[in-house]
Protein backbone atom coordinates (compact mmCIF):
# COMPACT_ATOMS: atom_id res chain seq x y z
CA MET A 1 18.61 45.82 -16.43
CA PRO A 2 14.79 46.65 -16.33
CA LEU A 3 12.72 43.93 -14.93
CA LYS A 4 10.83 41.66 -17.50
CA ASN A 5 6.91 42.61 -17.14
CA ILE A 6 4.88 39.50 -16.19
CA THR A 7 1.29 38.97 -16.57
CA ILE A 8 -0.30 36.07 -14.53
CA ALA A 9 -3.99 34.84 -15.26
CA VAL A 10 -5.43 33.80 -11.85
CA ASP A 11 -8.66 31.55 -11.58
CA ALA A 12 -10.09 33.70 -8.56
CA MET A 13 -13.18 31.55 -8.05
CA GLY A 14 -11.37 28.02 -7.64
CA GLY A 15 -10.48 26.13 -4.67
CA ASP A 16 -12.36 25.42 -1.32
CA TYR A 17 -12.44 29.31 -0.38
CA GLY A 18 -12.51 31.26 -3.52
CA PRO A 19 -11.93 34.99 -3.48
CA PRO A 20 -11.77 35.56 0.21
CA VAL A 21 -8.30 33.89 0.12
CA ILE A 22 -7.15 34.30 -3.58
CA LEU A 23 -7.69 38.02 -3.62
CA PRO A 24 -5.84 39.00 -0.57
CA ALA A 25 -2.85 36.57 -1.57
CA ALA A 26 -2.92 38.02 -4.97
CA LEU A 27 -2.64 41.68 -3.49
CA LYS A 28 0.19 40.63 -1.30
CA VAL A 29 2.26 39.13 -4.28
CA LEU A 30 1.43 42.38 -6.56
CA ALA A 31 2.82 44.57 -3.82
CA ARG A 32 6.18 42.55 -4.05
CA TYR A 33 6.76 42.56 -7.45
CA SER A 34 6.47 45.79 -9.42
CA ASN A 35 6.70 44.40 -12.72
CA LEU A 36 3.66 42.15 -12.22
CA GLN A 37 0.33 42.42 -13.64
CA LEU A 38 -2.75 39.96 -12.39
CA ILE A 39 -5.62 39.26 -14.54
CA LEU A 40 -8.35 37.91 -11.93
CA VAL A 41 -10.80 35.85 -13.77
CA GLY A 42 -14.31 35.01 -12.31
CA ASP A 43 -17.75 36.74 -11.48
CA GLU A 44 -16.81 40.44 -12.21
CA ALA A 45 -19.52 41.58 -9.70
CA VAL A 46 -18.19 39.52 -6.91
CA LEU A 47 -14.62 40.17 -7.70
CA THR A 48 -15.18 43.87 -7.88
CA LYS A 49 -16.80 44.20 -4.45
CA GLN A 50 -14.34 41.92 -2.76
CA LEU A 51 -11.46 43.54 -4.22
CA GLN A 52 -12.42 47.07 -3.18
CA HIS A 53 -12.86 45.42 0.55
CA PHE A 54 -9.51 43.89 0.53
CA GLN A 55 -7.79 46.98 -1.08
CA LYS A 56 -8.67 49.04 1.74
CA LYS A 57 -6.73 46.86 4.10
CA ASN A 58 -3.92 46.60 1.47
CA PRO A 59 -3.75 49.34 -0.90
CA THR A 60 -2.27 48.24 -4.21
CA ASP A 61 -1.62 49.97 -7.60
CA GLN A 62 -4.98 49.23 -9.33
CA THR A 63 -3.67 49.68 -12.75
CA ARG A 64 -1.81 46.50 -12.47
CA ILE A 65 -5.25 44.59 -11.73
CA ILE A 66 -7.49 43.40 -14.43
CA ILE A 67 -10.85 41.74 -13.71
CA ARG A 68 -12.04 39.39 -16.63
CA HIS A 69 -15.47 38.19 -16.39
CA ALA A 70 -16.28 34.34 -16.47
CA SER A 71 -20.02 33.40 -16.03
CA GLN A 72 -19.35 29.92 -14.95
CA GLN A 73 -17.29 27.98 -12.27
CA VAL A 74 -15.84 24.44 -12.02
CA GLU A 75 -16.93 22.77 -8.91
CA MET A 76 -14.24 20.81 -6.89
CA ASP A 77 -16.18 17.50 -7.36
CA GLU A 78 -17.01 18.08 -11.12
CA SER A 79 -15.81 15.40 -13.59
CA PRO A 80 -13.07 16.44 -15.93
CA ALA A 81 -15.04 15.41 -18.94
CA GLN A 82 -18.14 17.65 -17.89
CA ALA A 83 -15.90 20.46 -17.07
CA LEU A 84 -14.20 20.45 -20.51
CA ARG A 85 -17.32 19.93 -22.31
CA SER A 86 -19.80 22.23 -20.46
CA LYS A 87 -17.80 24.75 -18.90
CA LYS A 88 -16.18 26.69 -21.49
CA ASP A 89 -16.60 30.11 -20.02
CA SER A 90 -15.34 28.94 -16.57
CA SER A 91 -13.02 30.99 -14.65
CA MET A 92 -10.59 27.94 -15.16
CA ARG A 93 -10.84 27.89 -18.91
CA VAL A 94 -10.79 31.72 -19.53
CA ALA A 95 -7.64 31.87 -17.40
CA ILE A 96 -6.00 29.04 -19.61
CA ASN A 97 -7.24 30.70 -22.52
CA LEU A 98 -5.53 33.85 -21.76
CA VAL A 99 -2.10 32.01 -21.73
CA LYS A 100 -2.94 30.21 -25.25
CA GLU A 101 -3.72 33.73 -26.56
CA GLY A 102 -0.51 35.17 -25.26
CA VAL A 103 -2.34 37.74 -23.06
CA ALA A 104 -0.80 36.06 -19.99
CA GLN A 105 2.24 34.12 -19.44
CA ALA A 106 1.01 31.62 -16.73
CA SER A 107 -2.00 30.64 -15.07
CA VAL A 108 -2.65 29.83 -11.58
CA SER A 109 -5.80 27.89 -10.10
CA ALA A 110 -6.77 26.13 -6.88
CA GLY A 111 -9.45 24.48 -8.57
CA ASN A 112 -10.32 20.91 -9.49
CA THR A 113 -7.08 19.07 -10.39
CA GLY A 114 -8.66 16.62 -12.82
CA ALA A 115 -10.50 19.43 -14.69
CA LEU A 116 -7.40 21.66 -14.48
CA MET A 117 -5.13 18.99 -16.19
CA ALA A 118 -7.91 18.11 -18.97
CA THR A 119 -8.42 21.68 -19.74
CA ALA A 120 -4.94 22.66 -19.79
CA ARG A 121 -3.94 20.05 -22.01
CA PHE A 122 -6.80 20.48 -24.39
CA VAL A 123 -6.23 24.22 -24.71
CA LEU A 124 -2.38 24.34 -24.52
CA LYS A 125 -1.31 20.97 -25.89
CA THR A 126 1.85 19.06 -24.88
CA ILE A 127 5.55 20.05 -26.06
CA PRO A 128 6.38 18.19 -29.17
CA GLY A 129 7.96 14.91 -28.24
CA ILE A 130 6.22 14.81 -24.83
CA ASP A 131 3.35 12.45 -24.65
CA ARG A 132 1.99 13.36 -21.41
CA PRO A 133 2.23 16.35 -18.99
CA ALA A 134 2.98 15.62 -15.37
CA ILE A 135 2.41 17.19 -12.08
CA ILE A 136 5.79 18.14 -10.39
CA SER A 137 5.80 19.07 -6.73
CA THR A 138 8.40 20.33 -4.17
CA TYR A 139 9.55 18.72 -0.95
CA PRO A 140 11.80 19.39 1.96
CA THR A 141 14.79 17.46 2.57
CA ILE A 142 17.00 17.02 5.73
CA ASN A 143 19.27 19.64 4.19
CA TYR A 144 17.44 22.77 5.25
CA LYS A 145 18.91 24.63 2.26
CA LYS A 146 17.97 22.17 -0.29
CA ASN A 147 14.51 21.14 -1.68
CA MET A 148 13.62 17.93 -3.82
CA ARG A 149 11.19 17.75 -6.72
CA MET A 150 8.99 14.72 -7.51
CA LEU A 151 6.96 13.65 -10.42
CA ASP A 152 4.34 12.58 -11.41
CA VAL A 153 2.14 13.27 -8.26
CA GLY A 154 -1.16 12.67 -9.85
CA ALA A 155 -1.54 13.44 -13.39
CA ASN A 156 -0.98 9.91 -14.74
CA VAL A 157 -2.10 6.82 -12.74
CA ASP A 158 -0.58 4.53 -15.47
CA SER A 159 2.69 5.47 -16.89
CA THR A 160 4.90 3.61 -19.42
CA ALA A 161 8.77 3.46 -19.30
CA GLU A 162 8.94 6.18 -22.05
CA HIS A 163 6.68 8.35 -19.96
CA LEU A 164 8.93 8.08 -16.81
CA PHE A 165 11.84 8.98 -19.24
CA GLN A 166 10.11 12.08 -20.52
CA PHE A 167 9.25 13.09 -17.01
CA ALA A 168 12.99 12.80 -15.87
CA ILE A 169 14.09 14.99 -19.00
CA MET A 170 11.36 17.75 -18.22
CA ALA A 171 12.22 17.74 -14.29
CA SER A 172 15.93 17.99 -14.97
CA VAL A 173 15.25 21.08 -17.18
CA LEU A 174 13.11 22.53 -14.36
CA ALA A 175 15.69 21.89 -11.54
CA SER A 176 18.35 23.20 -13.39
CA ALA A 177 16.72 26.42 -14.34
CA VAL A 178 14.48 27.25 -11.34
CA ASP A 179 16.67 25.60 -8.56
CA SER A 180 19.88 26.50 -10.09
CA ILE A 181 21.33 23.06 -9.80
CA VAL A 182 24.01 22.04 -12.25
CA ASN A 183 23.40 18.53 -13.47
CA PRO A 184 20.58 17.44 -11.07
CA LYS A 185 20.77 14.02 -9.71
CA VAL A 186 17.60 11.92 -10.94
CA PHE A 187 16.23 8.72 -9.24
CA LEU A 188 13.62 6.42 -9.94
CA LEU A 189 11.34 5.57 -7.07
CA ASN A 190 11.18 1.96 -6.38
CA ILE A 191 10.65 -0.84 -3.95
CA GLY A 192 14.48 -1.56 -3.65
CA THR A 193 17.76 -0.29 -5.07
CA GLU A 194 18.83 -3.60 -6.80
CA ASP A 195 18.50 -3.87 -10.75
CA ILE A 196 16.12 -6.88 -10.43
CA LYS A 197 13.65 -4.86 -8.08
CA GLY A 198 10.46 -3.12 -9.23
CA ASN A 199 7.79 -3.67 -12.08
CA GLU A 200 8.50 -3.75 -15.89
CA GLN A 201 8.09 -0.32 -16.65
CA VAL A 202 10.53 0.91 -13.86
CA ARG A 203 13.26 -1.43 -14.89
CA LYS A 204 12.80 -0.43 -18.44
CA ALA A 205 12.77 3.43 -17.57
CA SER A 206 16.10 2.60 -15.72
CA GLN A 207 17.63 1.36 -18.97
CA LEU A 208 16.44 4.27 -21.04
CA LEU A 209 17.89 6.78 -18.48
CA LEU A 210 21.07 4.94 -18.29
CA GLN A 211 21.47 5.43 -22.14
CA ALA A 212 20.81 9.29 -21.91
CA LYS A 213 23.96 10.81 -21.32
CA ALA A 214 22.25 14.29 -20.86
CA ILE A 215 20.51 13.14 -17.82
CA ASN A 216 22.61 12.55 -14.39
CA TYR A 217 20.60 9.37 -13.71
CA ALA A 218 21.75 7.83 -10.14
CA GLY A 219 19.49 4.78 -10.06
CA PHE A 220 16.74 3.60 -7.85
CA ILE A 221 15.72 5.05 -4.54
CA GLU A 222 13.49 3.87 -1.85
CA GLY A 223 10.68 5.84 -0.23
CA ASN A 224 12.58 6.08 3.12
CA ASN A 225 15.42 7.71 1.49
CA ILE A 226 13.77 10.57 -0.78
CA PHE A 227 14.01 13.20 1.89
CA LYS A 228 17.73 12.50 2.67
CA GLY A 229 18.76 15.41 0.46
CA GLU A 230 20.81 13.13 -1.92
CA ALA A 231 18.07 13.39 -4.77
CA ASP A 232 17.39 16.44 -6.54
CA ILE A 233 14.47 14.67 -8.58
CA VAL A 234 12.41 11.58 -7.98
CA VAL A 235 10.48 10.24 -10.77
CA CYS A 236 7.42 7.82 -10.47
CA ASP A 237 4.04 7.33 -11.86
CA GLY A 238 0.91 9.46 -10.87
CA PHE A 239 -0.37 6.64 -8.76
CA VAL A 240 2.60 6.23 -6.44
CA GLY A 241 3.42 9.83 -6.54
CA ASN A 242 0.02 10.93 -5.25
CA VAL A 243 0.19 8.42 -2.47
CA ALA A 244 3.78 9.61 -1.65
CA LEU A 245 2.48 13.22 -1.46
CA LYS A 246 -0.68 12.60 0.57
CA THR A 247 1.33 10.46 2.97
CA THR A 248 3.90 13.16 3.42
CA GLU A 249 1.38 15.75 4.09
CA GLY A 250 -0.34 13.41 6.55
CA VAL A 251 3.05 12.58 8.59
CA ALA A 252 3.79 16.22 8.57
CA LYS A 253 0.45 17.13 10.38
CA LEU A 254 0.92 14.06 12.52
CA ILE A 255 4.22 15.33 13.74
CA GLY A 256 2.99 18.76 14.41
CA GLN A 257 -0.05 17.46 16.49
CA LEU A 258 2.24 14.98 18.44
CA ILE A 259 4.70 17.67 19.23
CA LYS A 260 1.80 19.84 20.46
CA LYS A 261 0.29 17.14 22.68
CA ALA A 262 3.61 16.22 24.17
CA PHE A 263 4.23 19.82 25.29
CA TYR A 264 0.67 20.35 26.75
CA GLN A 265 1.02 17.09 29.02
CA ASN A 266 1.60 19.13 32.35
CA ILE A 267 3.32 22.14 33.87
CA PHE A 268 6.91 20.98 33.37
CA THR A 269 6.37 19.61 29.57
CA ARG A 270 4.77 23.33 28.95
CA VAL A 271 7.99 25.02 30.43
CA ALA A 272 9.98 22.69 28.33
CA GLY A 273 7.79 23.54 25.27
CA LEU A 274 8.58 27.44 25.86
CA ILE A 275 12.22 26.80 26.12
CA ALA A 276 12.15 24.94 22.99
CA MET A 277 9.83 27.32 21.17
CA PRO A 278 12.67 28.63 18.93
CA VAL A 279 13.58 25.38 17.58
CA LEU A 280 10.18 24.45 17.28
CA LYS A 281 9.39 27.32 15.10
CA ILE A 282 12.29 26.48 12.80
CA LEU A 283 10.89 22.98 12.59
CA THR A 284 7.41 24.15 11.77
CA LYS A 285 8.86 26.42 8.94
CA TRP A 286 10.74 23.73 7.61
CA ILE A 287 8.06 21.17 7.05
CA ASP A 288 5.17 23.84 6.38
CA PRO A 289 3.24 22.51 3.40
CA ASP A 290 2.07 26.07 2.68
CA ARG A 291 5.74 26.92 1.80
CA TYR A 292 5.88 24.40 -0.80
CA ASN A 293 2.48 25.16 -2.40
CA GLY A 294 2.38 25.68 -6.28
CA ALA A 295 2.67 22.36 -8.24
CA CYS A 296 3.61 22.84 -11.98
CA PHE A 297 1.71 20.92 -14.93
CA ILE A 298 4.95 20.30 -16.57
CA GLY A 299 5.18 19.44 -20.35
CA LEU A 300 2.54 21.79 -21.54
CA GLN A 301 3.11 24.61 -24.26
CA GLY A 302 2.31 27.03 -21.42
CA ILE A 303 2.62 27.48 -17.45
CA VAL A 304 -0.10 26.33 -15.50
CA ILE A 305 0.39 26.06 -11.72
CA LYS A 306 -1.92 24.20 -9.38
CA SER A 307 -2.41 25.39 -5.92
CA HIS A 308 -3.83 23.08 -2.93
CA GLY A 309 -7.70 23.30 -3.19
CA GLY A 310 -7.43 24.31 0.49
CA ALA A 311 -4.70 26.80 0.49
CA ASN A 312 -4.45 29.71 2.81
CA GLU A 313 -3.32 33.21 1.82
CA LYS A 314 0.31 32.49 2.30
CA ALA A 315 0.15 29.36 0.41
CA PHE A 316 -1.68 30.69 -2.60
CA ALA A 317 0.78 33.60 -2.66
CA ASN A 318 3.56 30.95 -2.96
CA ALA A 319 1.78 29.48 -6.00
CA ILE A 320 1.74 32.75 -7.74
CA GLU A 321 5.26 33.10 -6.97
CA GLU A 322 6.19 29.91 -8.39
CA ALA A 323 4.63 30.88 -11.81
CA ILE A 324 6.36 34.08 -11.90
CA LEU A 325 9.67 32.40 -11.38
CA GLN A 326 8.75 29.73 -14.19
CA VAL A 327 7.96 32.64 -16.50
CA GLU A 328 11.28 34.28 -15.72
CA LYS A 329 13.11 30.90 -16.40
CA ASN A 330 11.10 30.34 -19.66
CA ILE A 331 10.59 26.83 -18.68
CA PRO A 332 8.33 25.41 -21.52
CA GLU A 333 10.94 26.89 -23.93
CA ARG A 334 13.78 25.35 -22.25
CA ILE A 335 12.19 21.83 -22.03
CA SER A 336 11.21 22.09 -25.88
CA ALA A 337 14.77 22.82 -26.73
CA GLU A 338 16.23 19.77 -24.48
CA VAL A 339 13.56 17.45 -25.97
CA GLU A 340 14.19 18.51 -29.46
CA GLN A 341 17.99 17.96 -28.83
CA LEU A 342 17.45 14.49 -27.40
CA LEU A 343 15.26 13.49 -30.10
CA LYS A 344 17.69 14.49 -32.68
CA ILE A 345 20.38 12.59 -30.83
CA SER A 346 17.96 9.55 -30.55
CA SER A 347 17.31 9.59 -34.13
CA ARG A 348 21.00 9.97 -35.24
CA ASN A 349 21.96 6.92 -32.91
CA LYS A 350 19.11 4.95 -34.67
CA ASP A 351 20.38 5.79 -38.06
CA GLU A 352 24.08 4.81 -37.24
CA ASP A 353 22.76 1.42 -35.75
CA ASN A 354 20.78 0.84 -39.13
CA ASN A 355 23.89 1.81 -41.17
CA SER A 356 26.06 -0.59 -39.13
CA ALA A 357 23.49 -3.31 -39.36
CA HIS A 358 23.32 -2.92 -43.14
CA LEU A 359 27.16 -2.96 -43.69
CA SER A 360 27.32 -6.04 -41.42
């Protein structure tokens, strides 16, 4: 069976480093996927010159690379409203427009998160039945072969119970399709596991999830248990999720630095470090944030992947590969179909309740 041709629009000017990181990462991914075409969006003169430089080191089929000129660039500290209003020809906006126009099937950017979310939502709109898109990210667990996905990790600071319910639906579809998990187990992040714990919206969201037979809801989970491997999906609002994300990244760096310092104490610890090197390499790979780079703006009528702003070549390449995977699995279409089905069930249940009330 022939491979499905995939076109990805890449915001080549976004992030902390721009083309010097994004272009070599794009070329590496292009070499891995014979069915892939990349549209590099940004300053044409800059991209053409740098692309020639990187292609000398990593020769690639030039027929599968298109440069699309964009005269503007969204700065990392620019307000979302300013970017949306004044940067209509930015590399970020043009890349998302290509998805809207059907020229590309997904967009990848390491640019300003707020501006990217505002632009993506304005251009692509949300899936019918979904009030707000969310950012879903991947985390390692104690089970080396199993990852966990958490949302929202920064798109919505204030979320209602209904929003959390919608996040759970979308994440379930994503985990089932992309991670090949049958009936993924969903938890709500809370300050305790008892029914009385948590704020009002978390407790109400729990009641909504308990009524949804299509979702494998397993109850509340505390922060110290989210990496144990029991949860496939952890749902929370964007404020809590972003704090958890940044804390996790900080702890991963702390562990790495402490291990390094411990093995450099003296000659004996250095020898011990050499002996332990194979294990340390496995640990480093396991918790390496670059491996999990590429968060999805889930809930939009199109695929938008957000790379970490400070991503290196390896990390940005992983973000492009996440976009490819979601295109192959038709994630927006699957979410749309699942939401439509749940809305039909909900409407039918309401009609039955109304009829029962009328008869009584």
